[in-house]
Amino acid sequence: MDSHLELDVLIFPDEVRVATPEDIQEWELETASQVSIPTVRLFVALYPYNPAAMSPNYEAAAEELPFVPGQIIKVCGDKDSDGFYHGESGGLSGFVPSNMVAEVPVDDEYLKYLLLQQGFIPVDHRGMTLTPELSSSAVSIPDDLVVRRMVALFDYDPWESSPNIDSDEELCFRSGDIIYVLGDMDQDGFYYGDLHGRRGLVPSNYLQPLPWD
């Protein structure tokens, strides 16, 4: 009975030799580095979208993703020839019309995680003006969503220190806490921030910007 031994070999211009385990590992790493991995991008919905009622292609409506204004959508890859991305949000996946969303330019992976966990960006803290009608004047959105990393300078208890009646929408924090601020300061001097998964309004005069590491 014949027995066969399979060996990996390396062929060079001046030699042929059996590949060592180190050679194979190096080849696998080099091959893996050449594989194109789609970049995950985050988008925010500008308008409400119900595919069953609004899709330009009724037959494909079931393959499209429904969403509401402010909803965060994770997108992989570029838009197709019909102007649709493929995205995920709220445990669902499907095609997303590019003219109904805007990209959130965040490269930091932790910030992407925070935004995905949050699921929404409050539209009244991003400079948006939304109306039910889908007209060209229905939305005004800044070119970039500014994300800042800040440290609390003082303790803040909204129940004791807030000038607002609706203090339950504000974050309670302690001096030294790191807060991720999403968007610009509103007209009342408050940011919208994230602290360990808790989100709410934060008084700007209690914060100090920090550089990224």
N, C-alpha and C. Protein backbone atom coordinates (compact mmCIF):
# COMPACT_ATOMS: atom_id res chain seq x y z
N MET A 1 0.85 -1.19 0.00
CA MET A 1 0.00 0.00 0.00
C MET A 1 0.89 1.24 0.00
N ASP A 2 0.65 2.13 -0.97
CA ASP A 2 1.47 3.33 -1.09
C ASP A 2 1.03 4.37 -0.07
N SER A 3 1.99 5.08 0.47
CA SER A 3 1.69 6.20 1.38
C SER A 3 2.25 7.47 0.75
N HIS A 4 1.52 8.56 0.91
CA HIS A 4 1.91 9.83 0.30
C HIS A 4 2.12 10.86 1.39
N LEU A 5 3.14 11.65 1.28
CA LEU A 5 3.45 12.72 2.21
C LEU A 5 3.34 14.05 1.47
N GLU A 6 2.42 14.91 1.93
CA GLU A 6 2.23 16.20 1.29
C GLU A 6 3.08 17.26 1.99
N LEU A 7 3.83 18.00 1.19
CA LEU A 7 4.69 19.05 1.72
C LEU A 7 4.44 20.35 0.97
N ASP A 8 4.52 21.45 1.68
CA ASP A 8 4.48 22.76 1.04
C ASP A 8 5.90 23.13 0.64
N VAL A 9 6.04 23.64 -0.59
CA VAL A 9 7.36 24.01 -1.05
C VAL A 9 7.36 25.46 -1.50
N LEU A 10 8.51 26.08 -1.38
CA LEU A 10 8.71 27.44 -1.85
C LEU A 10 9.61 27.40 -3.07
N ILE A 11 9.17 28.09 -4.13
CA ILE A 11 9.93 28.11 -5.37
C ILE A 11 10.53 29.49 -5.56
N PHE A 12 11.86 29.53 -5.62
CA PHE A 12 12.59 30.77 -5.84
C PHE A 12 13.32 30.67 -7.18
N PRO A 13 13.79 31.81 -7.70
CA PRO A 13 14.51 31.76 -8.98
C PRO A 13 15.70 30.82 -8.96
N ASP A 14 16.37 30.69 -7.79
CA ASP A 14 17.59 29.88 -7.75
C ASP A 14 17.49 28.65 -6.88
N GLU A 15 16.30 28.37 -6.32
CA GLU A 15 16.18 27.17 -5.47
C GLU A 15 14.73 26.81 -5.27
N VAL A 16 14.54 25.57 -4.87
CA VAL A 16 13.24 25.06 -4.44
C VAL A 16 13.47 24.36 -3.11
N ARG A 17 12.70 24.76 -2.08
CA ARG A 17 12.92 24.15 -0.77
C ARG A 17 11.60 23.95 -0.06
N VAL A 18 11.62 23.05 0.92
CA VAL A 18 10.43 22.76 1.72
C VAL A 18 10.16 23.94 2.65
N ALA A 19 8.90 24.35 2.70
CA ALA A 19 8.52 25.48 3.55
C ALA A 19 8.52 25.07 5.01
N THR A 20 9.08 25.92 5.83
CA THR A 20 9.08 25.69 7.28
C THR A 20 7.78 26.26 7.87
N PRO A 21 7.42 25.88 9.10
CA PRO A 21 6.23 26.47 9.75
C PRO A 21 6.31 28.00 9.81
N GLU A 22 7.52 28.54 9.98
CA GLU A 22 7.68 30.00 10.01
C GLU A 22 7.36 30.62 8.65
N ASP A 23 7.79 29.92 7.57
CA ASP A 23 7.48 30.40 6.23
C ASP A 23 5.98 30.45 6.00
N ILE A 24 5.29 29.41 6.43
CA ILE A 24 3.84 29.32 6.22
C ILE A 24 3.12 30.41 7.01
N GLN A 25 3.57 30.64 8.26
CA GLN A 25 2.95 31.68 9.07
C GLN A 25 3.15 33.06 8.45
N GLU A 26 4.35 33.32 7.94
CA GLU A 26 4.63 34.60 7.31
C GLU A 26 3.77 34.79 6.07
N TRP A 27 3.61 33.73 5.30
CA TRP A 27 2.78 33.81 4.09
C TRP A 27 1.32 34.09 4.44
N GLU A 28 0.80 33.42 5.50
CA GLU A 28 -0.58 33.63 5.91
C GLU A 28 -0.81 35.05 6.38
N LEU A 29 0.16 35.62 7.14
CA LEU A 29 0.04 37.00 7.61
C LEU A 29 0.05 37.98 6.45
N GLU A 30 0.94 37.72 5.47
CA GLU A 30 1.03 38.60 4.31
C GLU A 30 -0.25 38.54 3.49
N THR A 31 -0.80 37.34 3.33
CA THR A 31 -2.04 37.19 2.57
C THR A 31 -3.19 37.88 3.28
N ALA A 32 -3.26 37.72 4.61
CA ALA A 32 -4.35 38.34 5.38
C ALA A 32 -4.29 39.86 5.29
N SER A 33 -3.08 40.41 5.25
CA SER A 33 -2.94 41.87 5.19
C SER A 33 -3.39 42.43 3.85
N GLN A 34 -3.47 41.58 2.83
CA GLN A 34 -3.88 42.04 1.51
C GLN A 34 -5.37 41.91 1.27
N VAL A 35 -6.07 41.27 2.22
CA VAL A 35 -7.51 41.11 2.09
C VAL A 35 -8.19 42.44 2.40
N SER A 36 -9.06 42.87 1.54
CA SER A 36 -9.76 44.13 1.72
C SER A 36 -10.92 43.95 2.69
N ILE A 37 -10.86 44.64 3.84
CA ILE A 37 -11.91 44.58 4.84
C ILE A 37 -12.75 45.84 4.72
N PRO A 38 -14.06 45.71 4.48
CA PRO A 38 -14.90 46.91 4.33
C PRO A 38 -14.82 47.80 5.56
N THR A 39 -14.70 49.09 5.34
CA THR A 39 -14.64 50.04 6.44
C THR A 39 -16.05 50.31 6.96
N VAL A 40 -16.20 50.22 8.29
CA VAL A 40 -17.49 50.51 8.91
C VAL A 40 -17.64 52.02 9.03
N ARG A 41 -18.74 52.54 8.51
CA ARG A 41 -19.03 53.97 8.58
C ARG A 41 -20.36 54.16 9.27
N LEU A 42 -20.50 55.30 9.96
CA LEU A 42 -21.75 55.60 10.65
C LEU A 42 -22.49 56.72 9.92
N PHE A 43 -23.79 56.54 9.80
CA PHE A 43 -24.66 57.54 9.19
C PHE A 43 -25.80 57.85 10.16
N VAL A 44 -26.36 59.05 10.02
CA VAL A 44 -27.54 59.42 10.80
C VAL A 44 -28.67 59.71 9.83
N ALA A 45 -29.87 59.22 10.18
CA ALA A 45 -31.04 59.42 9.33
C ALA A 45 -31.51 60.88 9.41
N LEU A 46 -31.75 61.48 8.26
CA LEU A 46 -32.23 62.85 8.19
C LEU A 46 -33.75 62.93 8.15
N TYR A 47 -34.37 61.91 7.59
CA TYR A 47 -35.81 61.89 7.42
C TYR A 47 -36.36 60.55 7.89
N PRO A 48 -37.67 60.48 8.14
CA PRO A 48 -38.29 59.18 8.39
C PRO A 48 -38.38 58.41 7.07
N TYR A 49 -38.18 57.09 7.11
CA TYR A 49 -38.25 56.31 5.88
C TYR A 49 -38.97 55.00 6.14
N ASN A 50 -40.09 54.84 5.46
CA ASN A 50 -40.88 53.62 5.50
C ASN A 50 -40.86 53.01 4.11
N PRO A 51 -40.03 51.98 3.88
CA PRO A 51 -39.88 51.43 2.52
C PRO A 51 -41.19 51.01 1.87
N ALA A 52 -42.11 50.46 2.67
CA ALA A 52 -43.36 49.96 2.09
C ALA A 52 -44.15 51.08 1.42
N ALA A 53 -44.02 52.31 1.96
CA ALA A 53 -44.77 53.43 1.41
C ALA A 53 -43.94 54.37 0.56
N MET A 54 -42.60 54.33 0.74
CA MET A 54 -41.77 55.36 0.12
C MET A 54 -40.73 54.83 -0.85
N SER A 55 -40.51 53.54 -0.92
CA SER A 55 -39.46 53.00 -1.78
C SER A 55 -39.72 53.29 -3.25
N PRO A 56 -38.68 53.70 -3.99
CA PRO A 56 -38.84 53.91 -5.43
C PRO A 56 -38.95 52.59 -6.19
N ASN A 57 -38.63 51.50 -5.51
CA ASN A 57 -38.72 50.17 -6.12
C ASN A 57 -39.57 49.28 -5.21
N TYR A 58 -40.87 49.26 -5.47
CA TYR A 58 -41.81 48.58 -4.58
C TYR A 58 -41.47 47.10 -4.39
N GLU A 59 -40.99 46.45 -5.44
CA GLU A 59 -40.71 45.02 -5.35
C GLU A 59 -39.54 44.72 -4.42
N ALA A 60 -38.65 45.71 -4.21
CA ALA A 60 -37.49 45.50 -3.34
C ALA A 60 -37.67 46.14 -1.97
N ALA A 61 -38.86 46.65 -1.68
CA ALA A 61 -39.09 47.37 -0.42
C ALA A 61 -38.79 46.50 0.80
N ALA A 62 -39.06 45.21 0.70
CA ALA A 62 -38.84 44.31 1.83
C ALA A 62 -37.35 44.16 2.16
N GLU A 63 -36.48 44.51 1.21
CA GLU A 63 -35.04 44.39 1.43
C GLU A 63 -34.42 45.69 1.94
N GLU A 64 -35.26 46.72 2.13
CA GLU A 64 -34.77 48.02 2.57
C GLU A 64 -34.98 48.21 4.07
N LEU A 65 -34.19 49.11 4.65
CA LEU A 65 -34.18 49.34 6.10
C LEU A 65 -35.08 50.52 6.46
N PRO A 66 -36.07 50.32 7.33
CA PRO A 66 -36.87 51.47 7.80
C PRO A 66 -36.12 52.21 8.90
N PHE A 67 -36.34 53.52 9.02
CA PHE A 67 -35.68 54.28 10.08
C PHE A 67 -36.43 55.58 10.35
N VAL A 68 -36.03 56.25 11.42
CA VAL A 68 -36.64 57.52 11.82
C VAL A 68 -35.54 58.56 11.95
N PRO A 69 -35.87 59.85 11.94
CA PRO A 69 -34.85 60.90 12.05
C PRO A 69 -33.99 60.75 13.31
N GLY A 70 -32.67 60.92 13.13
CA GLY A 70 -31.75 60.82 14.25
C GLY A 70 -31.21 59.43 14.49
N GLN A 71 -31.75 58.43 13.81
CA GLN A 71 -31.32 57.04 14.02
C GLN A 71 -29.93 56.81 13.44
N ILE A 72 -29.06 56.15 14.23
CA ILE A 72 -27.71 55.83 13.78
C ILE A 72 -27.74 54.53 12.98
N ILE A 73 -27.09 54.55 11.81
CA ILE A 73 -27.06 53.39 10.93
C ILE A 73 -25.61 53.03 10.62
N LYS A 74 -25.27 51.76 10.82
CA LYS A 74 -23.92 51.27 10.50
C LYS A 74 -23.89 50.81 9.06
N VAL A 75 -22.95 51.35 8.29
CA VAL A 75 -22.86 51.04 6.86
C VAL A 75 -21.50 50.44 6.54
N CYS A 76 -21.49 49.40 5.72
CA CYS A 76 -20.25 48.80 5.21
C CYS A 76 -20.22 48.96 3.70
N GLY A 77 -19.12 49.48 3.19
CA GLY A 77 -18.98 49.62 1.75
C GLY A 77 -19.58 50.90 1.21
N ASP A 78 -19.49 51.04 -0.10
CA ASP A 78 -19.99 52.24 -0.78
C ASP A 78 -21.41 52.02 -1.29
N LYS A 79 -22.03 53.10 -1.73
CA LYS A 79 -23.38 52.97 -2.27
C LYS A 79 -23.34 52.31 -3.64
N ASP A 80 -24.43 51.65 -3.97
CA ASP A 80 -24.49 50.94 -5.24
C ASP A 80 -24.92 51.89 -6.36
N SER A 81 -25.08 51.32 -7.55
CA SER A 81 -25.41 52.13 -8.72
C SER A 81 -26.78 52.80 -8.62
N ASP A 82 -27.64 52.29 -7.73
CA ASP A 82 -28.97 52.88 -7.53
C ASP A 82 -28.99 53.92 -6.42
N GLY A 83 -27.81 54.17 -5.80
CA GLY A 83 -27.74 55.17 -4.75
C GLY A 83 -28.11 54.66 -3.38
N PHE A 84 -27.98 53.36 -3.16
CA PHE A 84 -28.31 52.76 -1.87
C PHE A 84 -27.06 52.21 -1.19
N TYR A 85 -26.97 52.41 0.14
CA TYR A 85 -25.98 51.73 0.96
C TYR A 85 -26.61 50.45 1.52
N HIS A 86 -25.76 49.57 2.07
CA HIS A 86 -26.30 48.45 2.85
C HIS A 86 -25.94 48.71 4.30
N GLY A 87 -26.97 48.80 5.15
CA GLY A 87 -26.73 49.19 6.53
C GLY A 87 -27.43 48.32 7.55
N GLU A 88 -27.08 48.55 8.82
CA GLU A 88 -27.68 47.84 9.94
C GLU A 88 -28.05 48.84 11.02
N SER A 89 -29.19 48.60 11.66
CA SER A 89 -29.61 49.44 12.77
C SER A 89 -30.75 48.77 13.51
N GLY A 90 -30.69 48.83 14.84
CA GLY A 90 -31.78 48.27 15.65
C GLY A 90 -32.00 46.79 15.45
N GLY A 91 -30.93 46.05 15.13
CA GLY A 91 -31.07 44.62 14.93
C GLY A 91 -31.57 44.22 13.56
N LEU A 92 -31.80 45.19 12.68
CA LEU A 92 -32.26 44.92 11.32
C LEU A 92 -31.18 45.33 10.33
N SER A 93 -31.24 44.76 9.13
CA SER A 93 -30.31 45.14 8.07
C SER A 93 -31.08 45.28 6.77
N GLY A 94 -30.53 46.10 5.88
CA GLY A 94 -31.19 46.29 4.60
C GLY A 94 -30.56 47.45 3.85
N PHE A 95 -31.14 47.75 2.69
CA PHE A 95 -30.62 48.83 1.86
C PHE A 95 -31.13 50.18 2.36
N VAL A 96 -30.26 51.19 2.26
CA VAL A 96 -30.54 52.52 2.80
C VAL A 96 -30.36 53.56 1.69
N PRO A 97 -31.37 54.35 1.38
CA PRO A 97 -31.22 55.38 0.34
C PRO A 97 -30.26 56.47 0.80
N SER A 98 -29.26 56.75 -0.01
CA SER A 98 -28.20 57.68 0.40
C SER A 98 -28.69 59.11 0.57
N ASN A 99 -29.78 59.48 -0.11
CA ASN A 99 -30.28 60.86 -0.01
C ASN A 99 -31.11 61.09 1.24
N MET A 100 -31.26 60.05 2.07
CA MET A 100 -32.05 60.17 3.30
C MET A 100 -31.17 60.18 4.54
N VAL A 101 -29.84 60.07 4.36
CA VAL A 101 -28.93 59.96 5.50
C VAL A 101 -27.72 60.87 5.28
N ALA A 102 -26.96 61.10 6.36
CA ALA A 102 -25.72 61.87 6.28
C ALA A 102 -24.66 61.14 7.10
N GLU A 103 -23.42 61.14 6.60
CA GLU A 103 -22.35 60.43 7.30
C GLU A 103 -21.90 61.19 8.55
N VAL A 104 -21.63 60.44 9.61
CA VAL A 104 -21.08 60.99 10.84
C VAL A 104 -19.57 60.71 10.81
N PRO A 105 -18.73 61.73 10.62
CA PRO A 105 -17.29 61.50 10.42
C PRO A 105 -16.55 61.22 11.73
N VAL A 106 -16.64 59.99 12.21
CA VAL A 106 -15.95 59.58 13.44
C VAL A 106 -15.02 58.41 13.10
N ASP A 107 -13.71 58.58 13.35
CA ASP A 107 -12.74 57.52 13.09
C ASP A 107 -12.42 56.70 14.33
N ASP A 108 -12.55 57.30 15.51
CA ASP A 108 -12.21 56.61 16.75
C ASP A 108 -13.18 55.45 16.98
N GLU A 109 -12.61 54.22 17.17
CA GLU A 109 -13.45 53.04 17.29
C GLU A 109 -14.31 53.07 18.55
N TYR A 110 -13.81 53.66 19.65
CA TYR A 110 -14.60 53.72 20.87
C TYR A 110 -15.79 54.65 20.69
N LEU A 111 -15.58 55.76 20.01
CA LEU A 111 -16.68 56.68 19.76
C LEU A 111 -17.73 56.05 18.85
N LYS A 112 -17.27 55.26 17.86
CA LYS A 112 -18.22 54.53 17.03
C LYS A 112 -19.06 53.59 17.89
N TYR A 113 -18.38 52.92 18.82
CA TYR A 113 -19.10 52.01 19.72
C TYR A 113 -20.14 52.77 20.54
N LEU A 114 -19.76 53.92 21.08
CA LEU A 114 -20.69 54.72 21.88
C LEU A 114 -21.90 55.14 21.07
N LEU A 115 -21.66 55.60 19.85
CA LEU A 115 -22.77 56.04 19.01
C LEU A 115 -23.69 54.88 18.64
N LEU A 116 -23.10 53.72 18.35
CA LEU A 116 -23.92 52.55 18.02
C LEU A 116 -24.73 52.10 19.23
N GLN A 117 -24.13 52.16 20.42
CA GLN A 117 -24.85 51.81 21.64
C GLN A 117 -25.98 52.79 21.89
N GLN A 118 -25.73 54.06 21.62
CA GLN A 118 -26.74 55.09 21.82
C GLN A 118 -27.89 54.90 20.85
N GLY A 119 -27.56 54.62 19.60
CA GLY A 119 -28.60 54.35 18.61
C GLY A 119 -29.19 55.56 17.95
N PHE A 120 -29.16 56.71 18.62
CA PHE A 120 -29.76 57.93 18.10
C PHE A 120 -28.88 59.12 18.42
N ILE A 121 -28.97 60.15 17.60
CA ILE A 121 -28.42 61.46 17.92
C ILE A 121 -29.61 62.41 18.01
N PRO A 122 -29.85 63.00 19.17
CA PRO A 122 -31.01 63.90 19.31
C PRO A 122 -30.92 65.04 18.29
N VAL A 123 -31.91 65.14 17.45
CA VAL A 123 -31.83 66.10 16.35
C VAL A 123 -31.83 67.54 16.82
N ASP A 124 -32.42 67.83 17.99
CA ASP A 124 -32.46 69.21 18.44
C ASP A 124 -31.14 69.67 19.03
N HIS A 125 -30.16 68.75 19.13
CA HIS A 125 -28.84 69.12 19.62
C HIS A 125 -27.79 69.01 18.52
N ARG A 126 -28.23 68.86 17.29
CA ARG A 126 -27.29 68.76 16.17
C ARG A 126 -27.55 69.84 15.13
N GLY A 127 -28.37 70.79 15.47
CA GLY A 127 -28.63 71.87 14.52
C GLY A 127 -29.60 71.49 13.43
N MET A 128 -30.34 70.37 13.59
CA MET A 128 -31.28 69.95 12.56
C MET A 128 -32.63 70.62 12.77
N THR A 129 -33.32 70.89 11.66
CA THR A 129 -34.70 71.29 11.70
C THR A 129 -35.45 70.30 10.83
N LEU A 130 -36.27 69.46 11.46
CA LEU A 130 -36.93 68.39 10.72
C LEU A 130 -38.42 68.67 10.60
N THR A 131 -38.99 68.39 9.44
CA THR A 131 -40.42 68.50 9.24
C THR A 131 -40.89 67.23 8.57
N PRO A 132 -42.18 66.90 8.65
CA PRO A 132 -42.67 65.67 8.04
C PRO A 132 -42.53 65.67 6.52
N GLU A 133 -42.57 66.86 5.90
CA GLU A 133 -42.49 66.90 4.45
C GLU A 133 -41.07 66.63 3.98
N LEU A 134 -40.94 65.92 2.90
CA LEU A 134 -39.63 65.61 2.34
C LEU A 134 -39.30 66.61 1.25
N SER A 135 -39.01 67.84 1.64
CA SER A 135 -38.66 68.88 0.68
C SER A 135 -37.21 69.25 0.84
N SER A 136 -36.67 70.03 -0.09
CA SER A 136 -35.27 70.39 -0.05
C SER A 136 -34.94 71.26 1.15
N SER A 137 -35.94 71.93 1.73
CA SER A 137 -35.70 72.79 2.89
C SER A 137 -36.04 72.09 4.19
N ALA A 138 -36.27 70.78 4.14
CA ALA A 138 -36.73 70.07 5.34
C ALA A 138 -35.65 69.88 6.37
N VAL A 139 -34.38 69.99 5.98
CA VAL A 139 -33.32 69.73 6.95
C VAL A 139 -32.14 70.65 6.72
N SER A 140 -31.56 71.08 7.82
CA SER A 140 -30.32 71.84 7.78
C SER A 140 -29.35 71.16 8.71
N ILE A 141 -28.24 70.64 8.19
CA ILE A 141 -27.32 69.85 8.98
C ILE A 141 -25.90 70.36 8.77
N PRO A 142 -25.12 70.47 9.83
CA PRO A 142 -23.73 70.91 9.67
C PRO A 142 -22.94 69.90 8.87
N ASP A 143 -21.85 70.35 8.24
CA ASP A 143 -21.05 69.46 7.41
C ASP A 143 -20.44 68.34 8.22
N ASP A 144 -20.02 68.63 9.48
CA ASP A 144 -19.36 67.62 10.31
C ASP A 144 -20.01 67.57 11.68
N LEU A 145 -20.11 66.37 12.21
CA LEU A 145 -20.52 66.20 13.60
C LEU A 145 -19.25 66.27 14.44
N VAL A 146 -19.13 67.29 15.29
CA VAL A 146 -17.95 67.46 16.11
C VAL A 146 -18.06 66.59 17.36
N VAL A 147 -17.06 65.76 17.59
CA VAL A 147 -17.01 64.92 18.78
C VAL A 147 -15.81 65.35 19.61
N ARG A 148 -16.06 65.73 20.86
CA ARG A 148 -14.98 66.21 21.72
C ARG A 148 -14.86 65.34 22.97
N ARG A 149 -13.64 65.26 23.46
CA ARG A 149 -13.34 64.53 24.71
C ARG A 149 -13.05 65.59 25.77
N MET A 150 -13.84 65.59 26.86
CA MET A 150 -13.71 66.63 27.86
C MET A 150 -13.64 66.03 29.27
N VAL A 151 -13.08 66.80 30.19
CA VAL A 151 -13.00 66.39 31.59
C VAL A 151 -13.83 67.35 32.43
N ALA A 152 -14.54 66.80 33.42
CA ALA A 152 -15.34 67.62 34.32
C ALA A 152 -14.43 68.33 35.32
N LEU A 153 -14.62 69.63 35.46
CA LEU A 153 -13.81 70.42 36.39
C LEU A 153 -14.40 70.41 37.80
N PHE A 154 -15.72 70.25 37.89
CA PHE A 154 -16.40 70.30 39.19
C PHE A 154 -17.45 69.19 39.25
N ASP A 155 -17.92 68.89 40.45
CA ASP A 155 -19.07 68.01 40.61
C ASP A 155 -20.32 68.73 40.12
N TYR A 156 -21.27 67.94 39.55
CA TYR A 156 -22.51 68.56 39.08
C TYR A 156 -23.68 67.63 39.36
N ASP A 157 -24.62 68.13 40.16
CA ASP A 157 -25.86 67.42 40.45
C ASP A 157 -27.01 68.27 39.90
N PRO A 158 -27.63 67.83 38.81
CA PRO A 158 -28.69 68.64 38.19
C PRO A 158 -29.81 69.02 39.15
N TRP A 159 -30.14 68.12 40.08
CA TRP A 159 -31.24 68.38 41.00
C TRP A 159 -30.94 69.58 41.90
N GLU A 160 -29.65 69.83 42.15
CA GLU A 160 -29.26 70.92 43.04
C GLU A 160 -28.79 72.16 42.28
N SER A 161 -28.14 71.96 41.13
CA SER A 161 -27.45 73.07 40.47
C SER A 161 -28.05 73.52 39.15
N SER A 162 -28.96 72.74 38.58
CA SER A 162 -29.45 73.07 37.24
C SER A 162 -30.35 74.31 37.25
N PRO A 163 -30.17 75.17 36.23
CA PRO A 163 -31.07 76.33 36.08
C PRO A 163 -32.35 75.96 35.34
N ASN A 164 -32.44 74.71 34.87
CA ASN A 164 -33.56 74.28 34.05
C ASN A 164 -34.61 73.52 34.85
N ILE A 165 -35.85 73.63 34.40
CA ILE A 165 -36.93 72.87 35.04
C ILE A 165 -36.81 71.39 34.72
N ASP A 166 -36.46 71.08 33.46
CA ASP A 166 -36.35 69.69 33.03
C ASP A 166 -34.95 69.14 33.32
N SER A 167 -34.52 69.20 34.57
CA SER A 167 -33.17 68.77 34.95
C SER A 167 -32.96 67.27 34.81
N ASP A 168 -34.04 66.51 34.67
CA ASP A 168 -33.89 65.06 34.52
C ASP A 168 -33.26 64.68 33.19
N GLU A 169 -33.14 65.65 32.26
CA GLU A 169 -32.49 65.39 30.98
C GLU A 169 -30.99 65.65 31.02
N GLU A 170 -30.49 66.05 32.20
CA GLU A 170 -29.08 66.39 32.34
C GLU A 170 -28.31 65.26 33.03
N LEU A 171 -26.98 65.23 32.76
CA LEU A 171 -26.10 64.23 33.36
C LEU A 171 -25.62 64.69 34.73
N CYS A 172 -25.55 63.74 35.63
CA CYS A 172 -24.91 63.97 36.91
C CYS A 172 -23.48 63.43 36.80
N PHE A 173 -22.48 64.22 37.23
CA PHE A 173 -21.10 63.76 37.11
C PHE A 173 -20.25 64.34 38.24
N ARG A 174 -19.03 63.81 38.35
CA ARG A 174 -18.10 64.24 39.39
C ARG A 174 -16.85 64.82 38.75
N SER A 175 -16.15 65.63 39.48
CA SER A 175 -14.91 66.22 39.01
C SER A 175 -13.93 65.12 38.58
N GLY A 176 -13.35 65.28 37.40
CA GLY A 176 -12.41 64.28 36.88
C GLY A 176 -13.02 63.28 35.92
N ASP A 177 -14.36 63.23 35.84
CA ASP A 177 -15.02 62.32 34.89
C ASP A 177 -14.69 62.74 33.45
N ILE A 178 -14.47 61.73 32.58
CA ILE A 178 -14.24 61.98 31.16
C ILE A 178 -15.59 61.86 30.44
N ILE A 179 -15.96 62.91 29.74
CA ILE A 179 -17.26 62.96 29.05
C ILE A 179 -17.01 63.17 27.56
N TYR A 180 -17.66 62.33 26.74
CA TYR A 180 -17.58 62.48 25.29
C TYR A 180 -18.76 63.34 24.84
N VAL A 181 -18.43 64.48 24.24
CA VAL A 181 -19.44 65.47 23.83
C VAL A 181 -19.74 65.29 22.35
N LEU A 182 -21.01 65.20 22.01
CA LEU A 182 -21.46 65.01 20.64
C LEU A 182 -22.13 66.28 20.14
N GLY A 183 -21.54 66.88 19.12
CA GLY A 183 -22.14 68.07 18.55
C GLY A 183 -21.70 69.34 19.24
N ASP A 184 -22.30 70.44 18.83
CA ASP A 184 -21.95 71.76 19.35
C ASP A 184 -22.80 72.14 20.54
N MET A 185 -22.39 73.19 21.22
CA MET A 185 -23.11 73.71 22.37
C MET A 185 -24.43 74.34 21.92
N ASP A 186 -25.50 74.12 22.68
CA ASP A 186 -26.78 74.71 22.30
C ASP A 186 -26.87 76.16 22.79
N GLN A 187 -27.99 76.81 22.52
CA GLN A 187 -28.14 78.23 22.85
C GLN A 187 -28.18 78.49 24.34
N ASP A 188 -28.41 77.45 25.14
CA ASP A 188 -28.44 77.60 26.60
C ASP A 188 -27.10 77.30 27.25
N GLY A 189 -26.08 77.00 26.42
CA GLY A 189 -24.77 76.72 26.98
C GLY A 189 -24.55 75.28 27.41
N PHE A 190 -25.33 74.35 26.85
CA PHE A 190 -25.23 72.94 27.20
C PHE A 190 -24.74 72.12 26.00
N TYR A 191 -23.93 71.12 26.30
CA TYR A 191 -23.56 70.10 25.32
C TYR A 191 -24.44 68.88 25.53
N TYR A 192 -24.43 67.98 24.53
CA TYR A 192 -25.03 66.66 24.71
C TYR A 192 -23.88 65.68 24.84
N GLY A 193 -23.80 64.97 25.97
CA GLY A 193 -22.63 64.15 26.25
C GLY A 193 -22.95 62.71 26.65
N ASP A 194 -21.89 61.90 26.65
CA ASP A 194 -21.97 60.49 27.04
C ASP A 194 -20.96 60.23 28.14
N LEU A 195 -21.43 59.64 29.23
CA LEU A 195 -20.57 59.29 30.36
C LEU A 195 -20.85 57.84 30.74
N HIS A 196 -19.94 56.94 30.33
CA HIS A 196 -20.06 55.52 30.65
C HIS A 196 -21.43 54.95 30.24
N GLY A 197 -21.89 55.37 29.07
CA GLY A 197 -23.16 54.85 28.56
C GLY A 197 -24.37 55.65 29.00
N ARG A 198 -24.21 56.56 29.94
CA ARG A 198 -25.30 57.47 30.34
C ARG A 198 -25.21 58.72 29.48
N ARG A 199 -26.35 59.19 28.99
CA ARG A 199 -26.34 60.31 28.06
C ARG A 199 -27.29 61.41 28.53
N GLY A 200 -26.90 62.64 28.26
CA GLY A 200 -27.76 63.75 28.62
C GLY A 200 -27.06 65.08 28.40
N LEU A 201 -27.71 66.15 28.84
CA LEU A 201 -27.18 67.49 28.68
C LEU A 201 -26.12 67.77 29.75
N VAL A 202 -25.09 68.53 29.34
CA VAL A 202 -23.97 68.83 30.22
C VAL A 202 -23.65 70.32 30.13
N PRO A 203 -23.59 71.05 31.27
CA PRO A 203 -23.27 72.48 31.21
C PRO A 203 -21.83 72.70 30.76
N SER A 204 -21.66 73.53 29.74
CA SER A 204 -20.33 73.72 29.14
C SER A 204 -19.33 74.35 30.10
N ASN A 205 -19.79 75.17 31.05
CA ASN A 205 -18.86 75.85 31.95
C ASN A 205 -18.30 74.93 33.04
N TYR A 206 -18.73 73.66 33.05
CA TYR A 206 -18.20 72.68 33.99
C TYR A 206 -17.15 71.77 33.34
N LEU A 207 -16.88 72.01 32.05
CA LEU A 207 -16.02 71.11 31.30
C LEU A 207 -14.76 71.80 30.79
N GLN A 208 -13.73 70.97 30.57
CA GLN A 208 -12.47 71.43 29.98
C GLN A 208 -12.10 70.46 28.86
N PRO A 209 -11.88 70.95 27.63
CA PRO A 209 -11.51 70.05 26.53
C PRO A 209 -10.19 69.32 26.82
N LEU A 210 -10.12 68.08 26.34
CA LEU A 210 -8.91 67.27 26.47
C LEU A 210 -8.41 66.91 25.09
N PRO A 211 -7.08 66.84 24.90
CA PRO A 211 -6.55 66.37 23.61
C PRO A 211 -6.76 64.87 23.48
N TRP A 212 -6.85 64.38 22.22
CA TRP A 212 -6.90 62.93 22.00
C TRP A 212 -5.53 62.33 22.24
N ASP A 213 -5.49 61.13 22.86
CA ASP A 213 -4.22 60.48 23.14
C ASP A 213 -3.55 60.03 21.84
